[in-house]
């Protein structure tokens, strides 16, 4: 558990400040931008996908709209509903996010053999998938 907490803190230190300095967006804002790019077009779906409280997503979406990164498209059949789409500026920001992220990763892990980095990424993906999966019932655990 201690290692997980230390790694979490170190990753935040390594990523958050450089990304915010380069892009002017914090990690949660970048997660919302990524969710929209990946097809989550409503605040509710974004909140669910990113495990963020709905009011937080609403506040972030408003900021991203004001910054010109996201457009709210009203549903003509129900004006209470809207879909979110990246603007061209939002698309460019996502591209810069990837480039900046790659630069950060290379600066921290470039000295390691590529196979070792890939193995670590594969392990992190497996952990992410396991944490994202529904919790097994006690009956399933004892099978």
Protein backbone atom coordinates (compact mmCIF):
# COMPACT_ATOMS: atom_id res chain seq x y z
CA UNK A 1 0.00 0.00 0.00
CA UNK A 2 2.80 2.40 0.88
CA UNK A 3 4.43 1.89 -2.53
CA UNK A 4 1.14 2.63 -4.29
CA UNK A 5 0.71 5.88 -2.37
CA UNK A 6 4.30 6.94 -3.03
CA UNK A 7 4.01 6.13 -6.73
CA UNK A 8 0.75 8.03 -6.98
CA UNK A 9 2.33 11.10 -5.39
CA UNK A 10 5.46 10.87 -7.57
CA UNK A 11 3.43 10.52 -10.78
CA UNK A 12 1.34 13.55 -9.83
CA UNK A 13 4.51 15.54 -9.13
CA UNK A 14 6.10 14.44 -12.39
CA UNK A 15 3.04 15.08 -14.55
CA UNK A 16 0.70 17.65 -13.03
CA UNK A 17 2.92 20.72 -12.80
CA UNK A 18 4.62 20.35 -16.21
CA UNK A 19 1.27 19.70 -17.92
CA UNK A 20 -0.39 22.64 -16.19
CA UNK A 21 2.56 24.92 -17.01
CA UNK A 22 2.62 23.87 -20.67
CA UNK A 23 -1.13 23.74 -21.29
CA UNK A 24 -2.77 25.90 -18.63
CA UNK A 25 -5.03 22.99 -17.61
CA UNK A 26 -4.93 20.83 -14.52
CA UNK A 27 -5.16 17.05 -14.53
CA UNK A 28 -8.93 16.89 -13.95
CA UNK A 29 -9.52 19.33 -16.81
CA UNK A 30 -7.33 17.21 -19.07
CA UNK A 31 -9.25 14.08 -18.02
CA UNK A 32 -12.54 15.73 -18.97
CA UNK A 33 -11.08 16.86 -22.29
CA UNK A 34 -9.86 13.31 -22.96
CA UNK A 35 -13.25 11.83 -22.05
CA UNK A 36 -14.98 14.14 -24.54
CA UNK A 37 -12.47 13.20 -27.22
CA UNK A 38 -13.08 9.52 -26.44
CA UNK A 39 -16.81 9.90 -27.02
CA UNK A 40 -18.28 10.77 -23.61
CA UNK A 41 -20.51 13.58 -24.86
CA UNK A 42 -22.59 14.39 -21.79
CA UNK A 43 -21.49 15.59 -18.35
CA UNK A 44 -23.11 12.54 -16.74
CA UNK A 45 -21.15 10.10 -18.89
CA UNK A 46 -17.93 12.03 -18.24
CA UNK A 47 -18.55 11.95 -14.47
CA UNK A 48 -19.15 8.21 -14.63
CA UNK A 49 -16.22 7.46 -16.92
CA UNK A 50 -13.71 9.54 -14.96
CA UNK A 51 -15.12 8.83 -11.47
CA UNK A 52 -15.59 12.54 -10.82
CA UNK A 53 -18.50 14.18 -8.99
CA UNK A 54 -21.10 15.64 -11.37
CA UNK A 55 -20.76 19.20 -9.98
CA UNK A 56 -16.99 19.04 -10.58
CA UNK A 57 -17.56 17.97 -14.19
CA UNK A 58 -20.11 20.76 -14.69
CA UNK A 59 -17.65 23.35 -13.38
CA UNK A 60 -14.80 21.98 -15.52
CA UNK A 61 -16.98 21.83 -18.66
CA UNK A 62 -17.97 25.47 -18.13
CA UNK A 63 -14.30 26.44 -17.87
CA UNK A 64 -13.40 24.45 -21.01
CA UNK A 65 -16.28 26.06 -22.93
CA UNK A 66 -15.19 29.54 -21.78
CA UNK A 67 -11.63 28.74 -22.90
CA UNK A 68 -12.88 27.78 -26.36
CA UNK A 69 -11.77 24.15 -26.06
CA UNK A 70 -15.23 22.57 -25.91
CA UNK A 71 -18.54 23.39 -27.58
CA UNK A 72 -21.96 22.67 -26.09
CA UNK A 73 -24.36 21.50 -28.80
CA UNK A 74 -28.02 21.70 -27.78
CA UNK A 75 -30.39 18.87 -28.55
CA UNK A 76 -33.24 20.43 -30.60
CA UNK A 77 -35.67 17.80 -29.30
CA UNK A 78 -34.85 18.58 -25.66
CA UNK A 79 -33.20 21.92 -24.98
CA UNK A 80 -32.31 20.81 -21.44
CA UNK A 81 -29.87 18.31 -22.93
CA UNK A 82 -26.67 19.05 -24.77
CA UNK A 83 -23.69 17.18 -26.16
CA UNK A 84 -20.08 18.20 -25.81
CA UNK A 85 -17.56 18.26 -28.63
CA UNK A 86 -13.97 19.41 -28.85
CA UNK A 87 -13.43 22.57 -30.86
CA UNK A 88 -10.45 22.79 -33.23
CA UNK A 89 -8.61 24.54 -30.38
CA UNK A 90 -9.57 21.66 -28.07
CA UNK A 91 -8.24 19.13 -30.59
CA UNK A 92 -4.97 21.06 -30.79
CA UNK A 93 -4.73 21.10 -27.00
CA UNK A 94 -5.20 17.32 -26.86
CA UNK A 95 -2.41 16.93 -29.43
CA UNK A 96 -0.15 19.20 -27.36
CA UNK A 97 -1.08 17.17 -24.27
CA UNK A 98 0.17 13.99 -25.94
CA UNK A 99 3.39 15.68 -27.08
CA UNK A 100 4.01 17.19 -23.65
CA UNK A 101 3.23 13.88 -21.97
CA UNK A 102 5.68 12.06 -24.23
CA UNK A 103 8.38 14.61 -23.41
CA UNK A 104 7.75 14.16 -19.68
CA UNK A 105 7.82 10.37 -19.95
CA UNK A 106 11.07 10.41 -21.93
CA UNK A 107 12.67 12.82 -19.46
CA UNK A 108 11.82 10.53 -16.54
CA UNK A 109 12.08 7.10 -18.13
CA UNK A 110 14.25 7.57 -21.23
CA UNK A 111 17.26 6.04 -19.50
CA UNK A 112 15.42 2.73 -18.98
CA UNK A 113 15.38 -0.03 -21.60
CA UNK A 114 12.20 0.26 -23.74
CA UNK A 115 11.17 -3.31 -22.85
CA UNK A 116 11.21 -2.43 -19.16
CA UNK A 117 9.11 0.69 -19.70
CA UNK A 118 6.63 -1.30 -21.82
CA UNK A 119 6.41 -4.01 -19.16
CA UNK A 120 5.65 -1.34 -16.53
CA UNK A 121 3.00 0.22 -18.79
CA UNK A 122 1.42 -3.20 -19.37
CA UNK A 123 1.36 -3.84 -15.61
CA UNK A 124 -0.22 -0.43 -14.95
CA UNK A 125 -2.86 -1.11 -17.61
CA UNK A 126 -3.65 -4.46 -15.99
CA UNK A 127 -3.99 -2.77 -12.59
CA UNK A 128 -6.21 -0.06 -14.09
CA UNK A 129 -8.42 -2.67 -15.74
CA UNK A 130 -8.70 -4.64 -12.49
CA UNK A 131 -9.63 -1.51 -10.54
CA UNK A 132 -12.19 -0.56 -13.19
CA UNK A 133 -13.88 -3.97 -13.19
CA UNK A 134 -16.86 -4.69 -10.94
CA UNK A 135 -15.88 -6.07 -7.56
CA UNK A 136 -16.38 -9.84 -7.41
CA UNK A 137 -18.98 -11.15 -5.00
CA UNK A 138 -17.78 -13.28 -2.07
CA UNK A 139 -19.12 -16.34 -3.90
CA UNK A 140 -17.01 -15.56 -6.97
CA UNK A 141 -13.88 -15.07 -4.86
CA UNK A 142 -14.19 -18.50 -3.26
CA UNK A 143 -14.76 -20.42 -6.50
